[in-house]
Amino acid sequence: MCTHRPACPPASAPDRDAARVLSGHAEQGWSLLCNGVIAFDDGGDLLPDGRAVPPAA
């Protein structure tokens, strides 16, 4: 998905949330990142393969 330079971290990387926001929906509490991750305001993520990553404790 990422076509700019430097490239965003992949969805599998620990720093995946550092990717650029493609579509932000603050009113709904989530953003679609350039690497295909849906990042939620609570810190959780939904990865492109459907796996959920819970917020850090």
PDB file of N, CA and C in Angstrom:
ATOM      1  N   MET A   1       0.803  -1.200   0.000  1.00  0.00           N
ATOM      2  CA  MET A   1       0.000   0.000   0.000  1.00  0.00           C
ATOM      3  C   MET A   1       0.848   1.267   0.000  1.00  0.00           C
ATOM      4  N   CYS A   2       1.942   1.238   0.715  1.00  0.00           N
ATOM      5  CA  CYS A   2       2.767   2.424   0.898  1.00  0.00           C
ATOM      6  C   CYS A   2       3.610   2.684  -0.356  1.00  0.00           C
ATOM      7  N   THR A   3       3.446   3.866  -0.926  1.00  0.00           N
ATOM      8  CA  THR A   3       4.203   4.202  -2.138  1.00  0.00           C
ATOM      9  C   THR A   3       5.116   5.405  -1.941  1.00  0.00           C
ATOM     10  N   HIS A   4       5.125   6.009  -0.756  1.00  0.00           N
ATOM     11  CA  HIS A   4       5.973   7.178  -0.536  1.00  0.00           C
ATOM     12  C   HIS A   4       7.296   6.765   0.105  1.00  0.00           C
ATOM     13  N   ARG A   5       8.236   7.699   0.147  1.00  0.00           N
ATOM     14  CA  ARG A   5       9.557   7.446   0.733  1.00  0.00           C
ATOM     15  C   ARG A   5       9.796   8.423   1.860  1.00  0.00           C
ATOM     16  N   PRO A   6      10.342   8.021   2.971  1.00  0.00           N
ATOM     17  CA  PRO A   6      10.650   6.640   3.305  1.00  0.00           C
ATOM     18  C   PRO A   6       9.358   5.851   3.512  1.00  0.00           C
ATOM     19  N   ALA A   7       9.459   4.560   3.267  1.00  0.00           N
ATOM     20  CA  ALA A   7       8.289   3.692   3.377  1.00  0.00           C
ATOM     21  C   ALA A   7       7.852   3.560   4.832  1.00  0.00           C
ATOM     22  N   CYS A   8       6.563   3.414   5.032  1.00  0.00           N
ATOM     23  CA  CYS A   8       6.020   3.212   6.370  1.00  0.00           C
ATOM     24  C   CYS A   8       6.379   1.819   6.868  1.00  0.00           C
ATOM     25  N   PRO A   9       6.422   1.640   8.185  1.00  0.00           N
ATOM     26  CA  PRO A   9       6.695   0.307   8.716  1.00  0.00           C
ATOM     27  C   PRO A   9       5.565  -0.648   8.317  1.00  0.00           C
ATOM     28  N   PRO A  10       5.889  -1.900   8.042  1.00  0.00           N
ATOM     29  CA  PRO A  10       4.850  -2.861   7.667  1.00  0.00           C
ATOM     30  C   PRO A  10       3.919  -3.160   8.840  1.00  0.00           C
ATOM     31  N   ALA A  11       2.773  -3.747   8.533  1.00  0.00           N
ATOM     32  CA  ALA A  11       1.781  -4.063   9.555  1.00  0.00           C
ATOM     33  C   ALA A  11       2.316  -5.045  10.588  1.00  0.00           C
ATOM     34  N   SER A  12       3.305  -5.828  10.237  1.00  0.00           N
ATOM     35  CA  SER A  12       3.862  -6.820  11.154  1.00  0.00           C
ATOM     36  C   SER A  12       4.927  -6.243  12.087  1.00  0.00           C
ATOM     37  N   ALA A  13       5.341  -5.018  11.866  1.00  0.00           N
ATOM     38  CA  ALA A  13       6.404  -4.402  12.669  1.00  0.00           C
ATOM     39  C   ALA A  13       5.867  -3.871  13.999  1.00  0.00           C
ATOM     40  N   PRO A  14       6.694  -3.883  15.023  1.00  0.00           N
ATOM     41  CA  PRO A  14       6.264  -3.349  16.327  1.00  0.00           C
ATOM     42  C   PRO A  14       5.880  -1.866  16.276  1.00  0.00           C
ATOM     43  N   ASP A  15       6.484  -1.107  15.351  1.00  0.00           N
ATOM     44  CA  ASP A  15       6.177   0.321  15.237  1.00  0.00           C
ATOM     45  C   ASP A  15       5.162   0.607  14.128  1.00  0.00           C
ATOM     46  N   ARG A  16       4.270  -0.349  13.868  1.00  0.00           N
ATOM     47  CA  ARG A  16       3.290  -0.244  12.775  1.00  0.00           C
ATOM     48  C   ARG A  16       2.429   1.016  12.878  1.00  0.00           C
ATOM     49  N   ASP A  17       2.192   1.521  14.080  1.00  0.00           N
ATOM     50  CA  ASP A  17       1.342   2.705  14.249  1.00  0.00           C
ATOM     51  C   ASP A  17       2.035   4.001  13.825  1.00  0.00           C
ATOM     52  N   ALA A  18       3.314   3.923  13.437  1.00  0.00           N
ATOM     53  CA  ALA A  18       4.032   5.098  12.951  1.00  0.00           C
ATOM     54  C   ALA A  18       3.737   5.380  11.476  1.00  0.00           C
ATOM     55  N   ALA A  19       2.962   4.520  10.830  1.00  0.00           N
ATOM     56  CA  ALA A  19       2.614   4.721   9.422  1.00  0.00           C
ATOM     57  C   ALA A  19       1.722   5.956   9.267  1.00  0.00           C
ATOM     58  N   ARG A  20       1.711   6.515   8.077  1.00  0.00           N
ATOM     59  CA  ARG A  20       0.888   7.696   7.794  1.00  0.00           C
ATOM     60  C   ARG A  20      -0.591   7.359   7.805  1.00  0.00           C
ATOM     61  N   VAL A  21      -1.377   8.312   8.233  1.00  0.00           N
ATOM     62  CA  VAL A  21      -2.834   8.151   8.239  1.00  0.00           C
ATOM     63  C   VAL A  21      -3.358   8.421   6.833  1.00  0.00           C
ATOM     64  N   LEU A  22      -4.097   7.457   6.276  1.00  0.00           N
ATOM     65  CA  LEU A  22      -4.743   7.640   4.977  1.00  0.00           C
ATOM     66  C   LEU A  22      -6.129   8.240   5.142  1.00  0.00           C
ATOM     67  N   SER A  23      -6.822   7.780   6.177  1.00  0.00           N
ATOM     68  CA  SER A  23      -8.180   8.226   6.417  1.00  0.00           C
ATOM     69  C   SER A  23      -8.430   8.245   7.920  1.00  0.00           C
ATOM     70  N   GLY A  24      -8.610   9.439   8.468  1.00  0.00           N
ATOM     71  CA  GLY A  24      -8.829   9.578   9.894  1.00  0.00           C
ATOM     72  C   GLY A  24     -10.301   9.768  10.218  1.00  0.00           C
ATOM     73  N   HIS A  25     -10.765   9.079  11.227  1.00  0.00           N
ATOM     74  CA  HIS A  25     -12.156   9.177  11.656  1.00  0.00           C
ATOM     75  C   HIS A  25     -12.181   9.370  13.168  1.00  0.00           C
ATOM     76  N   ALA A  26     -11.702  10.508  13.620  1.00  0.00           N
ATOM     77  CA  ALA A  26     -11.602  10.803  15.053  1.00  0.00           C
ATOM     78  C   ALA A  26     -12.966  10.714  15.734  1.00  0.00           C
ATOM     79  N   GLU A  27     -14.014  11.107  15.036  1.00  0.00           N
ATOM     80  CA  GLU A  27     -15.351  11.060  15.627  1.00  0.00           C
ATOM     81  C   GLU A  27     -15.812   9.630  15.899  1.00  0.00           C
ATOM     82  N   GLN A  28     -15.213   8.669  15.205  1.00  0.00           N
ATOM     83  CA  GLN A  28     -15.549   7.259  15.403  1.00  0.00           C
ATOM     84  C   GLN A  28     -14.453   6.515  16.165  1.00  0.00           C
ATOM     85  N   GLY A  29     -13.320   7.160  16.372  1.00  0.00           N
ATOM     86  CA  GLY A  29     -12.266   6.570  17.184  1.00  0.00           C
ATOM     87  C   GLY A  29     -11.300   5.656  16.466  1.00  0.00           C
ATOM     88  N   TRP A  30     -11.143   5.813  15.135  1.00  0.00           N
ATOM     89  CA  TRP A  30     -10.196   4.969  14.413  1.00  0.00           C
ATOM     90  C   TRP A  30      -9.619   5.703  13.213  1.00  0.00           C
ATOM     91  N   SER A  31      -8.477   5.157  12.721  1.00  0.00           N
ATOM     92  CA  SER A  31      -7.811   5.692  11.532  1.00  0.00           C
ATOM     93  C   SER A  31      -7.282   4.536  10.701  1.00  0.00           C
ATOM     94  N   LEU A  32      -7.351   4.674   9.388  1.00  0.00           N
ATOM     95  CA  LEU A  32      -6.748   3.710   8.472  1.00  0.00           C
ATOM     96  C   LEU A  32      -5.348   4.204   8.144  1.00  0.00           C
ATOM     97  N   LEU A  33      -4.363   3.367   8.407  1.00  0.00           N
ATOM     98  CA  LEU A  33      -2.974   3.734   8.157  1.00  0.00           C
ATOM     99  C   LEU A  33      -2.521   3.230   6.798  1.00  0.00           C
ATOM    100  N   CYS A  34      -1.444   3.794   6.307  1.00  0.00           N
ATOM    101  CA  CYS A  34      -0.894   3.478   4.990  1.00  0.00           C
ATOM    102  C   CYS A  34      -0.516   2.005   4.840  1.00  0.00           C
ATOM    103  N   ASN A  35      -0.178   1.356   5.934  1.00  0.00           N
ATOM    104  CA  ASN A  35       0.229  -0.047   5.880  1.00  0.00           C
ATOM    105  C   ASN A  35      -0.952  -1.008   6.012  1.00  0.00           C
ATOM    106  N   GLY A  36      -2.174  -0.484   5.970  1.00  0.00           N
ATOM    107  CA  GLY A  36      -3.365  -1.317   6.020  1.00  0.00           C
ATOM    108  C   GLY A  36      -3.898  -1.581   7.410  1.00  0.00           C
ATOM    109  N   VAL A  37      -3.239  -1.070   8.428  1.00  0.00           N
ATOM    110  CA  VAL A  37      -3.665  -1.253   9.815  1.00  0.00           C
ATOM    111  C   VAL A  37      -4.779  -0.258  10.127  1.00  0.00           C
ATOM    112  N   ILE A  38      -5.785  -0.728  10.872  1.00  0.00           N
ATOM    113  CA  ILE A  38      -6.778   0.172  11.434  1.00  0.00           C
ATOM    114  C   ILE A  38      -6.364   0.380  12.882  1.00  0.00           C
ATOM    115  N   ALA A  39      -6.035   1.609  13.221  1.00  0.00           N
ATOM    116  CA  ALA A  39      -5.579   1.961  14.565  1.00  0.00           C
ATOM    117  C   ALA A  39      -6.721   2.627  15.321  1.00  0.00           C
ATOM    118  N   PHE A  40      -7.015   2.097  16.495  1.00  0.00           N
ATOM    119  CA  PHE A  40      -8.091   2.632  17.327  1.00  0.00           C
ATOM    120  C   PHE A  40      -7.529   3.583  18.367  1.00  0.00           C
ATOM    121  N   ASP A  41      -8.343   4.540  18.795  1.00  0.00           N
ATOM    122  CA  ASP A  41      -7.916   5.547  19.764  1.00  0.00           C
ATOM    123  C   ASP A  41      -7.495   4.955  21.100  1.00  0.00           C
ATOM    124  N   ASP A  42      -7.987   3.771  21.443  1.00  0.00           N
ATOM    125  CA  ASP A  42      -7.620   3.154  22.721  1.00  0.00           C
ATOM    126  C   ASP A  42      -6.259   2.468  22.667  1.00  0.00           C
ATOM    127  N   GLY A  43      -5.616   2.479  21.487  1.00  0.00           N
ATOM    128  CA  GLY A  43      -4.295   1.870  21.332  1.00  0.00           C
ATOM    129  C   GLY A  43      -4.323   0.500  20.694  1.00  0.00           C
ATOM    130  N   GLY A  44      -5.480  -0.069  20.489  1.00  0.00           N
ATOM    131  CA  GLY A  44      -5.594  -1.357  19.825  1.00  0.00           C
ATOM    132  C   GLY A  44      -5.494  -1.200  18.316  1.00  0.00           C
ATOM    133  N   ASP A  45      -5.192  -2.305  17.648  1.00  0.00           N
ATOM    134  CA  ASP A  45      -5.071  -2.302  16.193  1.00  0.00           C
ATOM    135  C   ASP A  45      -5.820  -3.486  15.596  1.00  0.00           C
ATOM    136  N   LEU A  46      -6.262  -3.326  14.372  1.00  0.00           N
ATOM    137  CA  LEU A  46      -6.785  -4.418  13.564  1.00  0.00           C
ATOM    138  C   LEU A  46      -5.850  -4.520  12.370  1.00  0.00           C
ATOM    139  N   LEU A  47      -5.189  -5.671  12.240  1.00  0.00           N
ATOM    140  CA  LEU A  47      -4.201  -5.862  11.175  1.00  0.00           C
ATOM    141  C   LEU A  47      -4.892  -6.253   9.878  1.00  0.00           C
ATOM    142  N   PRO A  48      -4.220  -6.058   8.738  1.00  0.00           N
ATOM    143  CA  PRO A  48      -4.828  -6.366   7.440  1.00  0.00           C
ATOM    144  C   PRO A  48      -5.261  -7.829   7.289  1.00  0.00           C
ATOM    145  N   ASP A  49      -4.622  -8.735   8.029  1.00  0.00           N
ATOM    146  CA  ASP A  49      -5.003 -10.149   7.924  1.00  0.00           C
ATOM    147  C   ASP A  49      -6.160 -10.518   8.851  1.00  0.00           C
ATOM    148  N   GLY A  50      -6.726  -9.518   9.565  1.00  0.00           N
ATOM    149  CA  GLY A  50      -7.889  -9.741  10.410  1.00  0.00           C
ATOM    150  C   GLY A  50      -7.568  -9.969  11.875  1.00  0.00           C
ATOM    151  N   ARG A  51      -6.282 -10.091  12.212  1.00  0.00           N
ATOM    152  CA  ARG A  51      -5.911 -10.290  13.623  1.00  0.00           C
ATOM    153  C   ARG A  51      -6.078  -8.982  14.389  1.00  0.00           C
ATOM    154  N   ALA A  52      -6.544  -9.117  15.629  1.00  0.00           N
ATOM    155  CA  ALA A  52      -6.698  -7.967  16.514  1.00  0.00           C
ATOM    156  C   ALA A  52      -5.515  -7.913  17.472  1.00  0.00           C
ATOM    157  N   VAL A  53      -5.004  -6.710  17.696  1.00  0.00           N
ATOM    158  CA  VAL A  53      -3.926  -6.479  18.653  1.00  0.00           C
ATOM    159  C   VAL A  53      -4.524  -5.614  19.755  1.00  0.00           C
ATOM    160  N   PRO A  54      -4.590  -6.141  20.988  1.00  0.00           N
ATOM    161  CA  PRO A  54      -5.189  -5.358  22.068  1.00  0.00           C
ATOM    162  C   PRO A  54      -4.306  -4.172  22.458  1.00  0.00           C
ATOM    163  N   PRO A  55      -4.912  -3.177  23.102  1.00  0.00           N
ATOM    164  CA  PRO A  55      -4.128  -2.038  23.579  1.00  0.00           C
ATOM    165  C   PRO A  55      -3.068  -2.505  24.573  1.00  0.00           C
ATOM    166  N   ALA A  56      -1.960  -1.805  24.618  1.00  0.00           N
ATOM    167  CA  ALA A  56      -0.919  -2.115  25.589  1.00  0.00           C
ATOM    168  C   ALA A  56      -1.435  -1.804  26.986  1.00  0.00           C
ATOM    169  N   ALA A  57      -1.081  -2.656  27.920  1.00  0.00           N
ATOM    170  CA  ALA A  57      -1.571  -2.479  29.299  1.00  0.00           C
ATOM    171  C   ALA A  57      -0.805  -1.415  30.037  1.00  0.00           C
TER     172      ALA A  57
END
